Amino acid sequence: MSTATATNGAATDAAFAAIASAFGNDGSFGSATTDAVGSIRRAGESWLEESRALMLRSLDAFDATVNAYVELTRSIAGAVRVVDQAMDQAQRYAGMASEVTSTYTNAARDLLSR
């Protein structure tokens, strides 16, 4: 429990105690007020703890999502590099094949024209 929660709880207890004493501490109002304060405090603390747990789960999910996105981006970048390398190699091969074909056909034409 935080200091602010403890301070607010003490202030709430004091306020309800003042109200209860104004109506007589021994009466059913004092008992009901004390019970209500305890119930409200427990509900508030429970809500606060559940909210914190939910926020922590949300942060964990956000962190996992960002990490998955980063890994996906890295794997895509790696695949693009592989594709770029394959494209470069294919272009070199196409250039070489074109040169060999051109040399072959020119030689064959030269031979046939004699």
PDB file of N, CA and C in Angstrom:
ATOM      1  N   MET A   1       0.854  -1.166   0.000  1.00  0.00           N
ATOM      2  CA  MET A   1       0.000   0.000   0.000  1.00  0.00           C
ATOM      3  C   MET A   1       0.899   1.226   0.000  1.00  0.00           C
ATOM      4  N   SER A   2       0.598   2.183  -0.820  1.00  0.00           N
ATOM      5  CA  SER A   2       1.429   3.373  -0.923  1.00  0.00           C
ATOM      6  C   SER A   2       1.148   4.318   0.234  1.00  0.00           C
ATOM      7  N   THR A   3       2.024   5.312   0.384  1.00  0.00           N
ATOM      8  CA  THR A   3       1.860   6.310   1.432  1.00  0.00           C
ATOM      9  C   THR A   3       0.593   7.117   1.221  1.00  0.00           C
ATOM     10  N   ALA A   4       0.318   7.450  -0.053  1.00  0.00           N
ATOM     11  CA  ALA A   4      -0.888   8.215  -0.359  1.00  0.00           C
ATOM     12  C   ALA A   4      -2.132   7.421   0.008  1.00  0.00           C
ATOM     13  N   THR A   5      -2.120   6.122  -0.268  1.00  0.00           N
ATOM     14  CA  THR A   5      -3.261   5.284   0.073  1.00  0.00           C
ATOM     15  C   THR A   5      -3.436   5.213   1.579  1.00  0.00           C
ATOM     16  N   ALA A   6      -2.341   5.068   2.314  1.00  0.00           N
ATOM     17  CA  ALA A   6      -2.404   5.007   3.770  1.00  0.00           C
ATOM     18  C   ALA A   6      -2.919   6.325   4.339  1.00  0.00           C
ATOM     19  N   THR A   7      -2.432   7.436   3.799  1.00  0.00           N
ATOM     20  CA  THR A   7      -2.861   8.755   4.267  1.00  0.00           C
ATOM     21  C   THR A   7      -4.344   8.952   3.974  1.00  0.00           C
ATOM     22  N   ASN A   8      -4.766   8.611   2.749  1.00  0.00           N
ATOM     23  CA  ASN A   8      -6.176   8.734   2.395  1.00  0.00           C
ATOM     24  C   ASN A   8      -7.035   7.813   3.253  1.00  0.00           C
ATOM     25  N   GLY A   9      -6.535   6.623   3.524  1.00  0.00           N
ATOM     26  CA  GLY A   9      -7.284   5.688   4.372  1.00  0.00           C
ATOM     27  C   GLY A   9      -7.435   6.221   5.780  1.00  0.00           C
ATOM     28  N   ALA A  10      -6.370   6.812   6.320  1.00  0.00           N
ATOM     29  CA  ALA A  10      -6.432   7.380   7.666  1.00  0.00           C
ATOM     30  C   ALA A  10      -7.407   8.554   7.701  1.00  0.00           C
ATOM     31  N   ALA A  11      -7.385   9.366   6.657  1.00  0.00           N
ATOM     32  CA  ALA A  11      -8.300  10.502   6.594  1.00  0.00           C
ATOM     33  C   ALA A  11      -9.746  10.021   6.502  1.00  0.00           C
ATOM     34  N   THR A  12      -9.963   8.976   5.716  1.00  0.00           N
ATOM     35  CA  THR A  12     -11.313   8.415   5.594  1.00  0.00           C
ATOM     36  C   THR A  12     -11.775   7.839   6.920  1.00  0.00           C
ATOM     37  N   ASP A  13     -10.882   7.103   7.579  1.00  0.00           N
ATOM     38  CA  ASP A  13     -11.224   6.550   8.900  1.00  0.00           C
ATOM     39  C   ASP A  13     -11.570   7.665   9.877  1.00  0.00           C
ATOM     40  N   ALA A  14     -10.792   8.723   9.871  1.00  0.00           N
ATOM     41  CA  ALA A  14     -11.036   9.835  10.788  1.00  0.00           C
ATOM     42  C   ALA A  14     -12.370  10.502  10.496  1.00  0.00           C
ATOM     43  N   ALA A  15     -12.681  10.675   9.200  1.00  0.00           N
ATOM     44  CA  ALA A  15     -13.952  11.309   8.826  1.00  0.00           C
ATOM     45  C   ALA A  15     -15.129  10.454   9.277  1.00  0.00           C
ATOM     46  N   PHE A  16     -15.064   9.151   9.011  1.00  0.00           N
ATOM     47  CA  PHE A  16     -16.165   8.282   9.423  1.00  0.00           C
ATOM     48  C   PHE A  16     -16.245   8.163  10.948  1.00  0.00           C
ATOM     49  N   ALA A  17     -15.099   8.202  11.620  1.00  0.00           N
ATOM     50  CA  ALA A  17     -15.113   8.157  13.090  1.00  0.00           C
ATOM     51  C   ALA A  17     -15.778   9.402  13.645  1.00  0.00           C
ATOM     52  N   ALA A  18     -15.504  10.559  13.023  1.00  0.00           N
ATOM     53  CA  ALA A  18     -16.138  11.801  13.478  1.00  0.00           C
ATOM     54  C   ALA A  18     -17.646  11.740  13.279  1.00  0.00           C
ATOM     55  N   ILE A  19     -18.058  11.223  12.132  1.00  0.00           N
ATOM     56  CA  ILE A  19     -19.495  11.097  11.861  1.00  0.00           C
ATOM     57  C   ILE A  19     -20.123  10.121  12.850  1.00  0.00           C
ATOM     58  N   ALA A  20     -19.453   9.009  13.077  1.00  0.00           N
ATOM     59  CA  ALA A  20     -19.981   8.001  13.995  1.00  0.00           C
ATOM     60  C   ALA A  20     -20.099   8.555  15.407  1.00  0.00           C
ATOM     61  N   SER A  21     -19.087   9.320  15.840  1.00  0.00           N
ATOM     62  CA  SER A  21     -19.152   9.854  17.201  1.00  0.00           C
ATOM     63  C   SER A  21     -20.240  10.921  17.325  1.00  0.00           C
ATOM     64  N   ALA A  22     -20.512  11.629  16.232  1.00  0.00           N
ATOM     65  CA  ALA A  22     -21.581  12.618  16.260  1.00  0.00           C
ATOM     66  C   ALA A  22     -22.928  11.949  16.477  1.00  0.00           C
ATOM     67  N   PHE A  23     -23.083  10.737  15.981  1.00  0.00           N
ATOM     68  CA  PHE A  23     -24.345  10.022  16.140  1.00  0.00           C
ATOM     69  C   PHE A  23     -24.302   9.035  17.311  1.00  0.00           C
ATOM     70  N   GLY A  24     -23.184   8.971  17.963  1.00  0.00           N
ATOM     71  CA  GLY A  24     -23.042   8.032  19.082  1.00  0.00           C
ATOM     72  C   GLY A  24     -22.340   6.780  18.605  1.00  0.00           C
ATOM     73  N   ASN A  25     -21.174   6.551  19.119  1.00  0.00           N
ATOM     74  CA  ASN A  25     -20.322   5.443  18.696  1.00  0.00           C
ATOM     75  C   ASN A  25     -20.923   4.078  19.009  1.00  0.00           C
ATOM     76  N   ASP A  26     -21.773   4.027  19.985  1.00  0.00           N
ATOM     77  CA  ASP A  26     -22.292   2.730  20.417  1.00  0.00           C
ATOM     78  C   ASP A  26     -23.445   2.255  19.548  1.00  0.00           C
ATOM     79  N   GLY A  27     -23.977   3.125  18.692  1.00  0.00           N
ATOM     80  CA  GLY A  27     -25.160   2.779  17.911  1.00  0.00           C
ATOM     81  C   GLY A  27     -24.825   1.939  16.697  1.00  0.00           C
ATOM     82  N   SER A  28     -25.862   1.544  16.017  1.00  0.00           N
ATOM     83  CA  SER A  28     -25.697   0.713  14.827  1.00  0.00           C
ATOM     84  C   SER A  28     -25.062   1.491  13.679  1.00  0.00           C
ATOM     85  N   PHE A  29     -25.238   2.831  13.685  1.00  0.00           N
ATOM     86  CA  PHE A  29     -24.625   3.642  12.631  1.00  0.00           C
ATOM     87  C   PHE A  29     -23.104   3.576  12.700  1.00  0.00           C
ATOM     88  N   GLY A  30     -22.555   3.645  13.902  1.00  0.00           N
ATOM     89  CA  GLY A  30     -21.096   3.568  14.074  1.00  0.00           C
ATOM     90  C   GLY A  30     -20.556   2.240  13.595  1.00  0.00           C
ATOM     91  N   SER A  31     -21.255   1.172  13.939  1.00  0.00           N
ATOM     92  CA  SER A  31     -20.829  -0.157  13.514  1.00  0.00           C
ATOM     93  C   SER A  31     -20.948  -0.313  11.994  1.00  0.00           C
ATOM     94  N   ALA A  32     -22.061   0.173  11.457  1.00  0.00           N
ATOM     95  CA  ALA A  32     -22.264   0.077  10.007  1.00  0.00           C
ATOM     96  C   ALA A  32     -21.243   0.924   9.264  1.00  0.00           C
ATOM     97  N   THR A  33     -20.921   2.092   9.816  1.00  0.00           N
ATOM     98  CA  THR A  33     -19.927   2.969   9.183  1.00  0.00           C
ATOM     99  C   THR A  33     -18.566   2.308   9.182  1.00  0.00           C
ATOM    100  N   THR A  34     -18.189   1.726  10.296  1.00  0.00           N
ATOM    101  CA  THR A  34     -16.897   1.040  10.388  1.00  0.00           C
ATOM    102  C   THR A  34     -16.838  -0.121   9.408  1.00  0.00           C
ATOM    103  N   ASP A  35     -17.934  -0.880   9.325  1.00  0.00           N
ATOM    104  CA  ASP A  35     -17.986  -1.997   8.376  1.00  0.00           C
ATOM    105  C   ASP A  35     -17.907  -1.491   6.938  1.00  0.00           C
ATOM    106  N   ALA A  36     -18.602  -0.400   6.647  1.00  0.00           N
ATOM    107  CA  ALA A  36     -18.591   0.163   5.289  1.00  0.00           C
ATOM    108  C   ALA A  36     -17.206   0.658   4.916  1.00  0.00           C
ATOM    109  N   VAL A  37     -16.534   1.323   5.853  1.00  0.00           N
ATOM    110  CA  VAL A  37     -15.180   1.820   5.584  1.00  0.00           C
ATOM    111  C   VAL A  37     -14.247   0.664   5.261  1.00  0.00           C
ATOM    112  N   GLY A  38     -14.317  -0.392   6.053  1.00  0.00           N
ATOM    113  CA  GLY A  38     -13.467  -1.560   5.800  1.00  0.00           C
ATOM    114  C   GLY A  38     -13.773  -2.193   4.458  1.00  0.00           C
ATOM    115  N   SER A  39     -15.051  -2.298   4.147  1.00  0.00           N
ATOM    116  CA  SER A  39     -15.456  -2.897   2.874  1.00  0.00           C
ATOM    117  C   SER A  39     -15.005  -2.035   1.691  1.00  0.00           C
ATOM    118  N   ILE A  40     -15.189  -0.738   1.811  1.00  0.00           N
ATOM    119  CA  ILE A  40     -14.773   0.175   0.734  1.00  0.00           C
ATOM    120  C   ILE A  40     -13.260   0.135   0.561  1.00  0.00           C
ATOM    121  N   ARG A  41     -12.538   0.115   1.670  1.00  0.00           N
ATOM    122  CA  ARG A  41     -11.075   0.067   1.598  1.00  0.00           C
ATOM    123  C   ARG A  41     -10.616  -1.225   0.914  1.00  0.00           C
ATOM    124  N   ARG A  42     -11.198  -2.354   1.314  1.00  0.00           N
ATOM    125  CA  ARG A  42     -10.804  -3.627   0.700  1.00  0.00           C
ATOM    126  C   ARG A  42     -11.125  -3.631  -0.787  1.00  0.00           C
ATOM    127  N   ALA A  43     -12.286  -3.096  -1.153  1.00  0.00           N
ATOM    128  CA  ALA A  43     -12.658  -3.040  -2.570  1.00  0.00           C
ATOM    129  C   ALA A  43     -11.691  -2.139  -3.345  1.00  0.00           C
ATOM    130  N   GLY A  44     -11.338  -1.000  -2.764  1.00  0.00           N
ATOM    131  CA  GLY A  44     -10.403  -0.089  -3.420  1.00  0.00           C
ATOM    132  C   GLY A  44      -9.024  -0.701  -3.583  1.00  0.00           C
ATOM    133  N   GLU A  45      -8.539  -1.361  -2.548  1.00  0.00           N
ATOM    134  CA  GLU A  45      -7.230  -2.016  -2.633  1.00  0.00           C
ATOM    135  C   GLU A  45      -7.247  -3.148  -3.650  1.00  0.00           C
ATOM    136  N   SER A  46      -8.333  -3.902  -3.657  1.00  0.00           N
ATOM    137  CA  SER A  46      -8.460  -4.990  -4.625  1.00  0.00           C
ATOM    138  C   SER A  46      -8.477  -4.440  -6.043  1.00  0.00           C
ATOM    139  N   TRP A  47      -9.242  -3.388  -6.260  1.00  0.00           N
ATOM    140  CA  TRP A  47      -9.308  -2.765  -7.593  1.00  0.00           C
ATOM    141  C   TRP A  47      -7.933  -2.256  -8.008  1.00  0.00           C
ATOM    142  N   LEU A  48      -7.214  -1.628  -7.084  1.00  0.00           N
ATOM    143  CA  LEU A  48      -5.884  -1.091  -7.393  1.00  0.00           C
ATOM    144  C   LEU A  48      -4.923  -2.219  -7.776  1.00  0.00           C
ATOM    145  N   GLU A  49      -4.940  -3.297  -7.018  1.00  0.00           N
ATOM    146  CA  GLU A  49      -4.042  -4.417  -7.315  1.00  0.00           C
ATOM    147  C   GLU A  49      -4.400  -5.070  -8.651  1.00  0.00           C
ATOM    148  N   GLU A  50      -5.692  -5.243  -8.918  1.00  0.00           N
ATOM    149  CA  GLU A  50      -6.112  -5.835 -10.188  1.00  0.00           C
ATOM    150  C   GLU A  50      -5.747  -4.920 -11.360  1.00  0.00           C
ATOM    151  N   SER A  51      -5.870  -3.622 -11.157  1.00  0.00           N
ATOM    152  CA  SER A  51      -5.491  -2.660 -12.204  1.00  0.00           C
ATOM    153  C   SER A  51      -4.002  -2.726 -12.484  1.00  0.00           C
ATOM    154  N   ARG A  52      -3.212  -2.808 -11.431  1.00  0.00           N
ATOM    155  CA  ARG A  52      -1.757  -2.924 -11.611  1.00  0.00           C
ATOM    156  C   ARG A  52      -1.399  -4.207 -12.358  1.00  0.00           C
ATOM    157  N   ALA A  53      -2.041  -5.304 -11.974  1.00  0.00           N
ATOM    158  CA  ALA A  53      -1.769  -6.584 -12.644  1.00  0.00           C
ATOM    159  C   ALA A  53      -2.153  -6.510 -14.111  1.00  0.00           C
ATOM    160  N   LEU A  54      -3.294  -5.889 -14.400  1.00  0.00           N
ATOM    161  CA  LEU A  54      -3.726  -5.742 -15.791  1.00  0.00           C
ATOM    162  C   LEU A  54      -2.748  -4.885 -16.581  1.00  0.00           C
ATOM    163  N   MET A  55      -2.279  -3.809 -15.995  1.00  0.00           N
ATOM    164  CA  MET A  55      -1.307  -2.946 -16.684  1.00  0.00           C
ATOM    165  C   MET A  55       0.004  -3.699 -16.935  1.00  0.00           C
ATOM    166  N   LEU A  56       0.443  -4.492 -15.962  1.00  0.00           N
ATOM    167  CA  LEU A  56       1.665  -5.273 -16.155  1.00  0.00           C
ATOM    168  C   LEU A  56       1.496  -6.287 -17.280  1.00  0.00           C
ATOM    169  N   ARG A  57       0.326  -6.948 -17.337  1.00  0.00           N
ATOM    170  CA  ARG A  57       0.070  -7.883 -18.440  1.00  0.00           C
ATOM    171  C   ARG A  57       0.020  -7.144 -19.767  1.00  0.00           C
ATOM    172  N   SER A  58      -0.571  -5.962 -19.771  1.00  0.00           N
ATOM    173  CA  SER A  58      -0.628  -5.163 -21.000  1.00  0.00           C
ATOM    174  C   SER A  58       0.768  -4.769 -21.456  1.00  0.00           C
ATOM    175  N   LEU A  59       1.618  -4.367 -20.506  1.00  0.00           N
ATOM    176  CA  LEU A  59       2.996  -4.011 -20.858  1.00  0.00           C
ATOM    177  C   LEU A  59       3.759  -5.223 -21.381  1.00  0.00           C
ATOM    178  N   ASP A  60       3.540  -6.387 -20.765  1.00  0.00           N
ATOM    179  CA  ASP A  60       4.184  -7.613 -21.249  1.00  0.00           C
ATOM    180  C   ASP A  60       3.746  -7.929 -22.677  1.00  0.00           C
ATOM    181  N   ALA A  61       2.444  -7.793 -22.939  1.00  0.00           N
ATOM    182  CA  ALA A  61       1.932  -8.061 -24.293  1.00  0.00           C
ATOM    183  C   ALA A  61       2.497  -7.059 -25.292  1.00  0.00           C
ATOM    184  N   PHE A  62       2.574  -5.788 -24.902  1.00  0.00           N
ATOM    185  CA  PHE A  62       3.139  -4.761 -25.779  1.00  0.00           C
ATOM    186  C   PHE A  62       4.602  -5.065 -26.077  1.00  0.00           C
ATOM    187  N   ASP A  63       5.343  -5.410 -25.039  1.00  0.00           N
ATOM    188  CA  ASP A  63       6.765  -5.721 -25.202  1.00  0.00           C
ATOM    189  C   ASP A  63       6.948  -6.923 -26.132  1.00  0.00           C
ATOM    190  N   ALA A  64       6.146  -7.969 -25.948  1.00  0.00           N
ATOM    191  CA  ALA A  64       6.237  -9.160 -26.797  1.00  0.00           C
ATOM    192  C   ALA A  64       5.880  -8.820 -28.246  1.00  0.00           C
ATOM    193  N   THR A  65       4.879  -7.968 -28.449  1.00  0.00           N
ATOM    194  CA  THR A  65       4.475  -7.578 -29.797  1.00  0.00           C
ATOM    195  C   THR A  65       5.576  -6.809 -30.502  1.00  0.00           C
ATOM    196  N   VAL A  66       6.172  -5.853 -29.791  1.00  0.00           N
ATOM    197  CA  VAL A  66       7.255  -5.063 -30.393  1.00  0.00           C
ATOM    198  C   VAL A  66       8.442  -5.962 -30.710  1.00  0.00           C
ATOM    199  N   ASN A  67       8.784  -6.869 -29.802  1.00  0.00           N
ATOM    200  CA  ASN A  67       9.909  -7.779 -30.056  1.00  0.00           C
ATOM    201  C   ASN A  67       9.629  -8.683 -31.249  1.00  0.00           C
ATOM    202  N   ALA A  68       8.393  -9.161 -31.390  1.00  0.00           N
ATOM    203  CA  ALA A  68       8.037  -9.984 -32.545  1.00  0.00           C
ATOM    204  C   ALA A  68       8.144  -9.177 -33.833  1.00  0.00           C
ATOM    205  N   TYR A  69       7.706  -7.919 -33.796  1.00  0.00           N
ATOM    206  CA  TYR A  69       7.807  -7.057 -34.971  1.00  0.00           C
ATOM    207  C   TYR A  69       9.273  -6.817 -35.355  1.00  0.00           C
ATOM    208  N   VAL A  70      10.113  -6.592 -34.358  1.00  0.00           N
ATOM    209  CA  VAL A  70      11.541  -6.369 -34.623  1.00  0.00           C
ATOM    210  C   VAL A  70      12.158  -7.616 -35.253  1.00  0.00           C
ATOM    211  N   GLU A  71      11.837  -8.785 -34.716  1.00  0.00           N
ATOM    212  CA  GLU A  71      12.368 -10.031 -35.281  1.00  0.00           C
ATOM    213  C   GLU A  71      11.867 -10.248 -36.705  1.00  0.00           C
ATOM    214  N   LEU A  72      10.595  -9.946 -36.960  1.00  0.00           N
ATOM    215  CA  LEU A  72      10.048 -10.069 -38.311  1.00  0.00           C
ATOM    216  C   LEU A  72      10.782  -9.126 -39.264  1.00  0.00           C
ATOM    217  N   THR A  73      10.997  -7.897 -38.820  1.00  0.00           N
ATOM    218  CA  THR A  73      11.700  -6.923 -39.644  1.00  0.00           C
ATOM    219  C   THR A  73      13.122  -7.390 -39.944  1.00  0.00           C
ATOM    220  N   ARG A  74      13.787  -7.928 -38.944  1.00  0.00           N
ATOM    221  CA  ARG A  74      15.157  -8.435 -39.150  1.00  0.00           C
ATOM    222  C   ARG A  74      15.165  -9.605 -40.131  1.00  0.00           C
ATOM    223  N   SER A  75      14.207 -10.511 -39.995  1.00  0.00           N
ATOM    224  CA  SER A  75      14.188 -11.663 -40.906  1.00  0.00           C
ATOM    225  C   SER A  75      13.851 -11.221 -42.327  1.00  0.00           C
ATOM    226  N   ILE A  76      12.961 -10.238 -42.469  1.00  0.00           N
ATOM    227  CA  ILE A  76      12.655  -9.720 -43.806  1.00  0.00           C
ATOM    228  C   ILE A  76      13.879  -9.045 -44.396  1.00  0.00           C
ATOM    229  N   ALA A  77      14.594  -8.284 -43.585  1.00  0.00           N
ATOM    230  CA  ALA A  77      15.811  -7.628 -44.073  1.00  0.00           C
ATOM    231  C   ALA A  77      16.834  -8.669 -44.526  1.00  0.00           C
ATOM    232  N   GLY A  78      16.952  -9.761 -43.771  1.00  0.00           N
ATOM    233  CA  GLY A  78      17.860 -10.834 -44.170  1.00  0.00           C
ATOM    234  C   GLY A  78      17.423 -11.484 -45.469  1.00  0.00           C
ATOM    235  N   ALA A  79      16.118 -11.696 -45.618  1.00  0.00           N
ATOM    236  CA  ALA A  79      15.600 -12.302 -46.847  1.00  0.00           C
ATOM    237  C   ALA A  79      15.811 -11.377 -48.036  1.00  0.00           C
ATOM    238  N   VAL A  80      15.623 -10.090 -47.817  1.00  0.00           N
ATOM    239  CA  VAL A  80      15.829  -9.117 -48.908  1.00  0.00           C
ATOM    240  C   VAL A  80      17.288  -9.129 -49.352  1.00  0.00           C
ATOM    241  N   ARG A  81      18.202  -9.221 -48.386  1.00  0.00           N
ATOM    242  CA  ARG A  81      19.622  -9.298 -48.740  1.00  0.00           C
ATOM    243  C   ARG A  81      19.904 -10.537 -49.582  1.00  0.00           C
ATOM    244  N   VAL A  82      19.307 -11.666 -49.199  1.00  0.00           N
ATOM    245  CA  VAL A  82      19.499 -12.899 -49.960  1.00  0.00           C
ATOM    246  C   VAL A  82      18.917 -12.745 -51.354  1.00  0.00           C
ATOM    247  N   VAL A  83      17.730 -12.141 -51.445  1.00  0.00           N
ATOM    248  CA  VAL A  83      17.104 -11.925 -52.754  1.00  0.00           C
ATOM    249  C   VAL A  83      17.960 -10.975 -53.590  1.00  0.00           C
ATOM    250  N   ASP A  84      18.473  -9.912 -52.969  1.00  0.00           N
ATOM    251  CA  ASP A  84      19.335  -8.976 -53.692  1.00  0.00           C
ATOM    252  C   ASP A  84      20.584  -9.684 -54.221  1.00  0.00           C
ATOM    253  N   GLN A  85      21.174 -10.538 -53.384  1.00  0.00           N
ATOM    254  CA  GLN A  85      22.355 -11.278 -53.821  1.00  0.00           C
ATOM    255  C   GLN A  85      21.998 -12.228 -54.958  1.00  0.00           C
ATOM    256  N   ALA A  86      20.866 -12.884 -54.859  1.00  0.00           N
ATOM    257  CA  ALA A  86      20.434 -13.797 -55.923  1.00  0.00           C
ATOM    258  C   ALA A  86      20.159 -13.022 -57.210  1.00  0.00           C
ATOM    259  N   MET A  87      19.548 -11.847 -57.093  1.00  0.00           N
ATOM    260  CA  MET A  87      19.276 -11.017 -58.275  1.00  0.00           C
ATOM    261  C   MET A  87      20.579 -10.569 -58.931  1.00  0.00           C
ATOM    262  N   ASP A  88      21.542 -10.162 -58.115  1.00  0.00           N
ATOM    263  CA  ASP A  88      22.845  -9.763 -58.662  1.00  0.00           C
ATOM    264  C   ASP A  88      23.503 -10.927 -59.396  1.00  0.00           C
ATOM    265  N   GLN A  89      23.440 -12.103 -58.772  1.00  0.00           N
ATOM    266  CA  GLN A  89      24.045 -13.278 -59.397  1.00  0.00           C
ATOM    267  C   GLN A  89      23.296 -13.629 -60.690  1.00  0.00           C
ATOM    268  N   ALA A  90      21.976 -13.556 -60.672  1.00  0.00           N
ATOM    269  CA  ALA A  90      21.190 -13.859 -61.879  1.00  0.00           C
ATOM    270  C   ALA A  90      21.510 -12.866 -62.990  1.00  0.00           C
ATOM    271  N   GLN A  91      21.663 -11.603 -62.640  1.00  0.00           N
ATOM    272  CA  GLN A  91      21.998 -10.598 -63.654  1.00  0.00           C
ATOM    273  C   GLN A  91      23.396 -10.832 -64.224  1.00  0.00           C
ATOM    274  N   ARG A  92      24.345 -11.211 -63.364  1.00  0.00           N
ATOM    275  CA  ARG A  92      25.694 -11.527 -63.864  1.00  0.00           C
ATOM    276  C   ARG A  92      25.641 -12.740 -64.799  1.00  0.00           C
ATOM    277  N   TYR A  93      24.867 -13.747 -64.400  1.00  0.00           N
ATOM    278  CA  TYR A  93      24.741 -14.932 -65.231  1.00  0.00           C
ATOM    279  C   TYR A  93      24.078 -14.587 -66.564  1.00  0.00           C
ATOM    280  N   ALA A  94      23.040 -13.767 -66.531  1.00  0.00           N
ATOM    281  CA  ALA A  94      22.356 -13.367 -67.763  1.00  0.00           C
ATOM    282  C   ALA A  94      23.308 -12.593 -68.669  1.00  0.00           C
ATOM    283  N   GLY A  95      24.110 -11.712 -68.079  1.00  0.00           N
ATOM    284  CA  GLY A  95      25.099 -10.966 -68.869  1.00  0.00           C
ATOM    285  C   GLY A  95      26.120 -11.895 -69.505  1.00  0.00           C
ATOM    286  N   MET A  96      26.595 -12.871 -68.724  1.00  0.00           N
ATOM    287  CA  MET A  96      27.571 -13.825 -69.233  1.00  0.00           C
ATOM    288  C   MET A  96      26.943 -14.699 -70.324  1.00  0.00           C
ATOM    289  N   ALA A  97      25.708 -15.158 -70.098  1.00  0.00           N
ATOM    290  CA  ALA A  97      25.020 -15.991 -71.093  1.00  0.00           C
ATOM    291  C   ALA A  97      24.799 -15.207 -72.377  1.00  0.00           C
ATOM    292  N   SER A  98      24.445 -13.943 -72.249  1.00  0.00           N
ATOM    293  CA  SER A  98      24.248 -13.101 -73.428  1.00  0.00           C
ATOM    294  C   SER A  98      25.557 -12.934 -74.192  1.00  0.00           C
ATOM    295  N   GLU A  99      26.633 -12.722 -73.475  1.00  0.00           N
ATOM    296  CA  GLU A  99      27.944 -12.551 -74.114  1.00  0.00           C
ATOM    297  C   GLU A  99      28.401 -13.831 -74.810  1.00  0.00           C
ATOM    298  N   VAL A 100      28.242 -14.971 -74.133  1.00  0.00           N
ATOM    299  CA  VAL A 100      28.630 -16.254 -74.726  1.00  0.00           C
ATOM    300  C   VAL A 100      27.781 -16.535 -75.961  1.00  0.00           C
ATOM    301  N   THR A 101      26.468 -16.290 -75.877  1.00  0.00           N
ATOM    302  CA  THR A 101      25.572 -16.521 -77.013  1.00  0.00           C
ATOM    303  C   THR A 101      25.933 -15.619 -78.175  1.00  0.00           C
ATOM    304  N   SER A 102      26.189 -14.375 -77.874  1.00  0.00           N
ATOM    305  CA  SER A 102      26.562 -13.422 -78.932  1.00  0.00           C
ATOM    306  C   SER A 102      27.861 -13.843 -79.607  1.00  0.00           C
ATOM    307  N   THR A 103      28.839 -14.245 -78.819  1.00  0.00           N
ATOM    308  CA  THR A 103      30.116 -14.701 -79.378  1.00  0.00           C
ATOM    309  C   THR A 103      29.904 -15.954 -80.225  1.00  0.00           C
ATOM    310  N   TYR A 104      29.125 -16.896 -79.753  1.00  0.00           N
ATOM    311  CA  TYR A 104      28.862 -18.131 -80.476  1.00  0.00           C
ATOM    312  C   TYR A 104      28.142 -17.862 -81.791  1.00  0.00           C
ATOM    313  N   THR A 105      27.068 -17.059 -81.722  1.00  0.00           N
ATOM    314  CA  THR A 105      26.315 -16.809 -82.959  1.00  0.00           C
ATOM    315  C   THR A 105      27.135 -16.002 -83.954  1.00  0.00           C
ATOM    316  N   ASN A 106      27.928 -15.057 -83.488  1.00  0.00           N
ATOM    317  CA  ASN A 106      28.786 -14.292 -84.405  1.00  0.00           C
ATOM    318  C   ASN A 106      29.830 -15.194 -85.057  1.00  0.00           C
ATOM    319  N   ALA A 107      30.407 -16.095 -84.275  1.00  0.00           N
ATOM    320  CA  ALA A 107      31.395 -17.022 -84.834  1.00  0.00           C
ATOM    321  C   ALA A 107      30.735 -17.956 -85.846  1.00  0.00           C
ATOM    322  N   ALA A 108      29.527 -18.445 -85.503  1.00  0.00           N
ATOM    323  CA  ALA A 108      28.826 -19.339 -86.435  1.00  0.00           C
ATOM    324  C   ALA A 108      28.462 -18.608 -87.717  1.00  0.00           C
ATOM    325  N   ARG A 109      28.024 -17.376 -87.645  1.00  0.00           N
ATOM    326  CA  ARG A 109      27.697 -16.604 -88.845  1.00  0.00           C
ATOM    327  C   ARG A 109      28.928 -16.334 -89.674  1.00  0.00           C
ATOM    328  N   ASP A 110      30.020 -16.018 -88.985  1.00  0.00           N
ATOM    329  CA  ASP A 110      31.253 -15.761 -89.693  1.00  0.00           C
ATOM    330  C   ASP A 110      31.708 -17.022 -90.442  1.00  0.00           C
ATOM    331  N   LEU A 111      31.579 -18.169 -89.803  1.00  0.00           N
ATOM    332  CA  LEU A 111      31.960 -19.423 -90.405  1.00  0.00           C
ATOM    333  C   LEU A 111      31.055 -19.758 -91.603  1.00  0.00           C
ATOM    334  N   LEU A 112      29.776 -19.499 -91.453  1.00  0.00           N
ATOM    335  CA  LEU A 112      28.820 -19.805 -92.529  1.00  0.00           C
ATOM    336  C   LEU A 112      28.928 -18.837 -93.696  1.00  0.00           C
ATOM    337  N   SER A 113      29.399 -17.679 -93.440  1.00  0.00           N
ATOM    338  CA  SER A 113      29.508 -16.697 -94.537  1.00  0.00           C
ATOM    339  C   SER A 113      30.766 -16.932 -95.371  1.00  0.00           C
ATOM    340  N   ARG A 114      31.643 -17.784 -95.091  1.00  0.00           N
ATOM    341  CA  ARG A 114      32.846 -18.033 -95.866  1.00  0.00           C
ATOM    342  C   ARG A 114      32.615 -18.932 -96.996  1.00  0.00           C
TER     343      ARG A 114
END
